Amino acid sequence: MDLLFNTLIYGEIHLFPHFYQTMEIHSKAPRFLRLPEVLNLVGVTRSTLYRWMDAGTFPKQISVGGNTVVWVESAVTDWMEDQMASR
């Protein structure tokens, strides 16, 4: 019990170290966002988003095959942070 308590409260990793290492790797992996998620994050309409992309002021989408496009989450959140910093 004490070992479990230390693991949960203090972040000490005693049990299943490979599990935690795998979680760490996946949490650093790029995450793709689809259009509805991007619109929800940024809070604008689809036409505004595409107008910003055409103007070069918003990150471009990436085609991942067929008619599917995505945005890299870190690019979108970096853009949001830049917008907040420039206020």
C-alpha atoms as a PDB file:
ATOM      1  CA  MET A   1       0.000   0.000   0.000  1.00  0.00           C
ATOM      2  CA  ASP A   2       2.777   2.419   0.869  1.00  0.00           C
ATOM      3  CA  LEU A   3       4.461   1.684  -2.470  1.00  0.00           C
ATOM      4  CA  LEU A   4       1.224   2.375  -4.329  1.00  0.00           C
ATOM      5  CA  PHE A   5       0.684   5.570  -2.314  1.00  0.00           C
ATOM      6  CA  ASN A   6       4.180   6.835  -3.172  1.00  0.00           C
ATOM      7  CA  THR A   7       3.638   5.984  -6.810  1.00  0.00           C
ATOM      8  CA  LEU A   8       0.343   7.849  -6.990  1.00  0.00           C
ATOM      9  CA  ILE A   9       1.168  10.822  -4.783  1.00  0.00           C
ATOM     10  CA  TYR A  10       4.842  11.437  -5.398  1.00  0.00           C
ATOM     11  CA  GLY A  11       5.109  10.136  -8.944  1.00  0.00           C
ATOM     12  CA  GLU A  12       7.672   7.527  -8.016  1.00  0.00           C
ATOM     13  CA  ILE A  13       7.731   4.752 -10.570  1.00  0.00           C
ATOM     14  CA  HIS A  14       8.384   1.385  -8.970  1.00  0.00           C
ATOM     15  CA  LEU A  15       5.815  -0.826 -10.656  1.00  0.00           C
ATOM     16  CA  PHE A  16       5.543  -1.331 -14.401  1.00  0.00           C
ATOM     17  CA  PRO A  17       8.296   1.075 -15.518  1.00  0.00           C
ATOM     18  CA  HIS A  18       7.835   0.083 -19.173  1.00  0.00           C
ATOM     19  CA  PHE A  19       4.182   1.096 -18.995  1.00  0.00           C
ATOM     20  CA  TYR A  20       5.095   4.587 -17.799  1.00  0.00           C
ATOM     21  CA  GLN A  21       7.881   4.960 -20.367  1.00  0.00           C
ATOM     22  CA  THR A  22       5.444   4.009 -23.127  1.00  0.00           C
ATOM     23  CA  MET A  23       2.906   6.551 -21.850  1.00  0.00           C
ATOM     24  CA  GLU A  24       5.605   9.241 -21.876  1.00  0.00           C
ATOM     25  CA  ILE A  25       6.562   8.464 -25.463  1.00  0.00           C
ATOM     26  CA  HIS A  26       2.948   8.570 -26.625  1.00  0.00           C
ATOM     27  CA  SER A  27       2.245  11.828 -24.825  1.00  0.00           C
ATOM     28  CA  LYS A  28       5.046  13.480 -26.825  1.00  0.00           C
ATOM     29  CA  ALA A  29       3.862  12.068 -30.147  1.00  0.00           C
ATOM     30  CA  PRO A  30       2.259  14.559 -32.537  1.00  0.00           C
ATOM     31  CA  ARG A  31      -1.511  14.599 -32.408  1.00  0.00           C
ATOM     32  CA  PHE A  32      -3.665  15.306 -35.431  1.00  0.00           C
ATOM     33  CA  LEU A  33      -6.834  17.379 -35.232  1.00  0.00           C
ATOM     34  CA  ARG A  34      -9.739  17.168 -37.671  1.00  0.00           C
ATOM     35  CA  LEU A  35     -11.587  20.285 -38.813  1.00  0.00           C
ATOM     36  CA  PRO A  36     -14.356  20.255 -36.163  1.00  0.00           C
ATOM     37  CA  GLU A  37     -11.748  20.081 -33.387  1.00  0.00           C
ATOM     38  CA  VAL A  38      -9.759  22.971 -34.889  1.00  0.00           C
ATOM     39  CA  LEU A  39     -12.887  25.097 -35.282  1.00  0.00           C
ATOM     40  CA  ASN A  40     -13.865  24.353 -31.686  1.00  0.00           C
ATOM     41  CA  LEU A  41     -10.395  25.224 -30.362  1.00  0.00           C
ATOM     42  CA  VAL A  42     -10.027  28.450 -32.308  1.00  0.00           C
ATOM     43  CA  GLY A  43     -13.661  29.515 -32.107  1.00  0.00           C
ATOM     44  CA  VAL A  44     -14.122  30.751 -35.668  1.00  0.00           C
ATOM     45  CA  THR A  45     -16.114  29.669 -38.698  1.00  0.00           C
ATOM     46  CA  ARG A  46     -14.800  27.382 -41.391  1.00  0.00           C
ATOM     47  CA  SER A  47     -14.613  30.227 -43.917  1.00  0.00           C
ATOM     48  CA  THR A  48     -12.575  32.397 -41.548  1.00  0.00           C
ATOM     49  CA  LEU A  49     -10.166  29.559 -40.859  1.00  0.00           C
ATOM     50  CA  TYR A  50      -9.596  28.899 -44.566  1.00  0.00           C
ATOM     51  CA  ARG A  51      -9.251  32.646 -45.250  1.00  0.00           C
ATOM     52  CA  TRP A  52      -6.515  32.819 -42.575  1.00  0.00           C
ATOM     53  CA  MET A  53      -4.780  29.799 -44.127  1.00  0.00           C
ATOM     54  CA  ASP A  54      -4.910  31.417 -47.591  1.00  0.00           C
ATOM     55  CA  ALA A  55      -3.421  34.586 -46.097  1.00  0.00           C
ATOM     56  CA  GLY A  56      -0.657  32.549 -44.454  1.00  0.00           C
ATOM     57  CA  THR A  57      -1.616  33.576 -40.934  1.00  0.00           C
ATOM     58  CA  PHE A  58      -2.844  30.158 -39.770  1.00  0.00           C
ATOM     59  CA  PRO A  59      -1.107  26.746 -40.011  1.00  0.00           C
ATOM     60  CA  LYS A  60      -1.926  24.800 -43.180  1.00  0.00           C
ATOM     61  CA  GLN A  61      -3.671  21.470 -43.053  1.00  0.00           C
ATOM     62  CA  ILE A  62      -1.943  18.215 -44.009  1.00  0.00           C
ATOM     63  CA  SER A  63      -3.488  15.703 -46.384  1.00  0.00           C
ATOM     64  CA  VAL A  64      -3.330  12.205 -44.935  1.00  0.00           C
ATOM     65  CA  GLY A  65      -4.999  10.471 -47.850  1.00  0.00           C
ATOM     66  CA  GLY A  66      -8.219  10.556 -49.771  1.00  0.00           C
ATOM     67  CA  ASN A  67     -10.310  13.530 -48.739  1.00  0.00           C
ATOM     68  CA  THR A  68      -8.945  13.541 -45.198  1.00  0.00           C
ATOM     69  CA  VAL A  69      -7.013  16.543 -43.933  1.00  0.00           C
ATOM     70  CA  VAL A  70      -5.671  17.209 -40.441  1.00  0.00           C
ATOM     71  CA  TRP A  71      -3.803  19.871 -38.527  1.00  0.00           C
ATOM     72  CA  VAL A  72      -0.922  19.209 -36.161  1.00  0.00           C
ATOM     73  CA  GLU A  73      -2.177  20.068 -32.681  1.00  0.00           C
ATOM     74  CA  SER A  74       1.093  21.698 -31.606  1.00  0.00           C
ATOM     75  CA  ALA A  75       1.021  24.024 -34.647  1.00  0.00           C
ATOM     76  CA  VAL A  76      -2.511  25.121 -33.782  1.00  0.00           C
ATOM     77  CA  THR A  77      -1.793  25.627 -30.083  1.00  0.00           C
ATOM     78  CA  ASP A  78       1.450  27.496 -30.901  1.00  0.00           C
ATOM     79  CA  TRP A  79      -0.562  29.780 -33.177  1.00  0.00           C
ATOM     80  CA  MET A  80      -3.072  30.366 -30.356  1.00  0.00           C
ATOM     81  CA  GLU A  81      -0.283  31.200 -27.907  1.00  0.00           C
ATOM     82  CA  ASP A  82       1.224  33.649 -30.427  1.00  0.00           C
ATOM     83  CA  GLN A  83      -2.161  35.340 -30.788  1.00  0.00           C
ATOM     84  CA  MET A  84      -2.476  35.721 -27.008  1.00  0.00           C
ATOM     85  CA  ALA A  85       1.078  37.010 -26.686  1.00  0.00           C
ATOM     86  CA  SER A  86       0.526  39.679 -29.329  1.00  0.00           C
ATOM     87  CA  ARG A  87      -2.457  41.224 -27.523  1.00  0.00           C
END
